[in-house]
Amino acid sequence: MALLPTFINKIKAYAEGKVVDVEQTVNFNLPDSFSSFDFQFGDRFGPERDNIDVKMVIEVVFDDPAEINDFESRVQRSALWETGFNELGFAMVPLEAEALLTTGSDFMVYNIETGEYNIFPASGNTYECLFLAYDDLHETLTIYRFTITV
């Protein structure tokens, strides 16, 4: 679960449309049966790195056991999902999301600007990215939408 931010602009239950948008953006099908809510933030979000600005966090809880099993199987077979990150990986995710990297969650970072997965972006630009972390123990997906300047 993500740490609570120090400044929340809006909390909205039922963020289904945003989850579907993320699913289409990263080109990886998520289970159809889920509950979700999102946090949208103002200018700054809690303690953060100077070069990362979190725009939104979505928490998704999957509901259907058959869909969950299928999803977990596809995650394990996919080259898009990682189970361990190097030091560059820690540098490219929001600070409060680092705990998700060390809990055994499966995750991906998707650079919306370049269409690349799990690659630290080139310097000299600002990129909009998505970070997805799946916790198979709790059958939850945490999604961060953020910008990173390198």
Protein backbone atom coordinates (compact mmCIF):
# COMPACT_ATOMS: atom_id res chain seq x y z
CA MET A 1 0.00 0.00 0.00
CA ALA A 2 1.27 3.47 -0.79
CA LEU A 3 2.14 5.86 2.01
CA LEU A 4 -0.37 8.62 2.58
CA PRO A 5 0.65 11.92 1.04
CA THR A 6 1.02 15.12 3.04
CA PHE A 7 -1.19 17.02 0.59
CA ILE A 8 -4.13 15.38 -1.13
CA ASN A 9 -6.07 17.47 -3.59
CA LYS A 10 -8.84 14.93 -4.17
CA ILE A 11 -9.69 11.33 -3.33
CA LYS A 12 -12.10 9.64 -5.71
CA ALA A 13 -13.61 6.21 -5.36
CA TYR A 14 -14.23 4.11 -8.41
CA ALA A 15 -11.41 5.16 -10.71
CA GLU A 16 -12.34 2.52 -13.30
CA GLY A 17 -11.91 4.83 -16.29
CA LYS A 18 -8.40 5.77 -15.18
CA VAL A 19 -7.46 2.13 -14.66
CA VAL A 20 -8.69 1.28 -18.17
CA ASP A 21 -6.67 4.23 -19.54
CA VAL A 22 -3.52 2.90 -17.83
CA GLU A 23 -4.23 -0.61 -19.13
CA GLN A 24 -4.47 0.70 -22.69
CA THR A 25 -1.41 2.94 -22.30
CA VAL A 26 0.93 0.19 -21.07
CA ASN A 27 -0.64 -2.35 -23.46
CA PHE A 28 -1.15 -5.06 -20.81
CA ASN A 29 -4.61 -6.42 -19.97
CA LEU A 30 -5.70 -6.17 -16.35
CA PRO A 31 -8.50 -8.20 -14.74
CA ASP A 32 -11.96 -6.81 -15.53
CA SER A 33 -13.34 -7.25 -12.01
CA PHE A 34 -11.85 -4.78 -9.51
CA SER A 35 -12.47 -1.98 -7.05
CA SER A 36 -10.34 1.15 -7.18
CA PHE A 37 -9.79 4.62 -5.83
CA ASP A 38 -7.35 7.36 -6.72
CA PHE A 39 -5.52 10.21 -5.07
CA GLN A 40 -4.96 13.33 -7.14
CA PHE A 41 -2.41 15.81 -5.93
CA GLY A 42 -1.70 19.50 -6.05
CA ASP A 43 1.70 20.91 -6.90
CA ARG A 44 3.73 18.74 -4.51
CA PHE A 45 3.16 15.35 -2.99
CA GLY A 46 4.82 14.58 0.33
CA PRO A 47 8.56 14.05 0.62
CA GLU A 48 9.80 13.60 -2.90
CA ARG A 49 12.87 13.73 -5.05
CA ASP A 50 13.49 17.09 -6.70
CA ASN A 51 13.24 15.56 -10.16
CA ILE A 52 10.01 13.55 -9.67
CA ASP A 53 6.52 15.00 -9.34
CA VAL A 54 3.68 12.58 -8.57
CA LYS A 55 0.39 13.49 -10.23
CA MET A 56 -1.83 10.62 -9.14
CA VAL A 57 -1.84 7.30 -7.30
CA ILE A 58 -4.47 4.63 -7.99
CA GLU A 59 -5.03 1.65 -5.70
CA VAL A 60 -6.74 -1.30 -7.40
CA VAL A 61 -8.08 -4.41 -5.63
CA PHE A 62 -8.86 -7.33 -7.92
CA ASP A 63 -12.00 -9.33 -7.13
CA ASP A 64 -12.34 -12.42 -9.34
CA PRO A 65 -10.09 -15.40 -8.43
CA ALA A 66 -10.03 -16.83 -11.97
CA GLU A 67 -9.09 -13.45 -13.47
CA ILE A 68 -6.44 -12.98 -10.78
CA ASN A 69 -4.87 -16.37 -11.57
CA ASP A 70 -4.82 -15.57 -15.28
CA PHE A 71 -3.34 -12.10 -14.65
CA GLU A 72 -0.61 -13.46 -12.35
CA SER A 73 0.30 -16.11 -14.90
CA ARG A 74 0.58 -13.51 -17.68
CA VAL A 75 2.67 -11.21 -15.45
CA GLN A 76 5.11 -14.04 -14.70
CA ARG A 77 5.51 -14.83 -18.42
CA SER A 78 5.76 -11.22 -19.57
CA ALA A 79 9.06 -9.48 -20.29
CA LEU A 80 7.38 -6.17 -19.39
CA TRP A 81 7.18 -6.94 -15.67
CA GLU A 82 10.22 -6.96 -13.35
CA THR A 83 10.77 -8.54 -9.95
CA GLY A 84 14.03 -6.79 -9.06
CA PHE A 85 15.41 -3.37 -9.83
CA ASN A 86 18.96 -2.07 -10.02
CA GLU A 87 20.07 1.29 -8.61
CA LEU A 88 18.84 3.12 -11.70
CA GLY A 89 15.40 1.66 -11.06
CA PHE A 90 15.30 3.17 -7.61
CA ALA A 91 16.26 6.53 -9.10
CA MET A 92 13.35 6.52 -11.53
CA VAL A 93 10.39 5.79 -9.24
CA PRO A 94 8.72 8.07 -6.70
CA LEU A 95 10.34 7.97 -3.27
CA GLU A 96 7.28 6.58 -1.49
CA ALA A 97 7.02 3.80 -4.09
CA GLU A 98 10.48 2.41 -3.28
CA ALA A 99 9.01 0.11 -0.62
CA LEU A 100 7.04 -1.64 -3.35
CA LEU A 101 10.33 -2.50 -5.09
CA THR A 102 11.60 -4.40 -2.05
CA THR A 103 8.47 -6.38 -1.11
CA GLY A 104 8.63 -8.94 -3.89
CA SER A 105 5.98 -7.18 -5.93
CA ASP A 106 6.07 -7.44 -9.70
CA PHE A 107 6.35 -4.03 -11.32
CA MET A 108 6.94 -2.03 -14.45
CA VAL A 109 7.86 1.54 -15.27
CA TYR A 110 6.42 2.78 -18.54
CA ASN A 111 7.69 5.98 -20.15
CA ILE A 112 4.65 7.48 -21.89
CA GLU A 113 6.80 9.84 -23.95
CA THR A 114 9.14 7.20 -25.42
CA GLY A 115 7.03 4.04 -25.17
CA GLU A 116 9.87 2.27 -23.32
CA TYR A 117 9.54 -0.10 -20.38
CA ASN A 118 11.89 -0.25 -17.38
CA ILE A 119 14.62 1.91 -18.92
CA PHE A 120 16.07 5.01 -17.29
CA PRO A 121 15.32 7.90 -19.68
CA ALA A 122 17.94 10.00 -21.45
CA SER A 123 19.06 13.17 -19.71
CA GLY A 124 17.99 16.68 -20.59
CA ASN A 125 14.24 16.11 -20.74
CA THR A 126 11.08 15.75 -18.68
CA TYR A 127 9.09 12.55 -19.16
CA GLU A 128 5.63 11.46 -18.07
CA CYS A 129 5.72 7.92 -16.68
CA LEU A 130 3.60 5.23 -15.09
CA PHE A 131 4.82 2.93 -12.32
CA LEU A 132 2.74 -0.21 -11.72
CA ALA A 133 3.39 -2.55 -8.78
CA TYR A 134 1.38 -5.75 -8.30
CA ASP A 135 1.25 -7.33 -4.84
CA ASP A 136 0.19 -10.95 -5.31
CA LEU A 137 -0.20 -11.52 -1.57
CA HIS A 138 -2.99 -8.92 -1.33
CA GLU A 139 -4.05 -9.10 -5.00
CA THR A 140 -3.66 -5.34 -5.38
CA LEU A 141 -2.14 -3.10 -8.01
CA THR A 142 -0.70 0.30 -7.16
CA ILE A 143 -0.32 2.75 -10.05
CA TYR A 144 1.69 5.98 -9.91
CA ARG A 145 1.47 8.60 -12.65
CA PHE A 146 4.40 11.01 -12.40
CA THR A 147 6.85 13.18 -14.27
CA ILE A 148 10.60 12.77 -14.03
CA THR A 149 13.18 15.33 -15.11
CA VAL A 150 16.64 14.02 -15.97
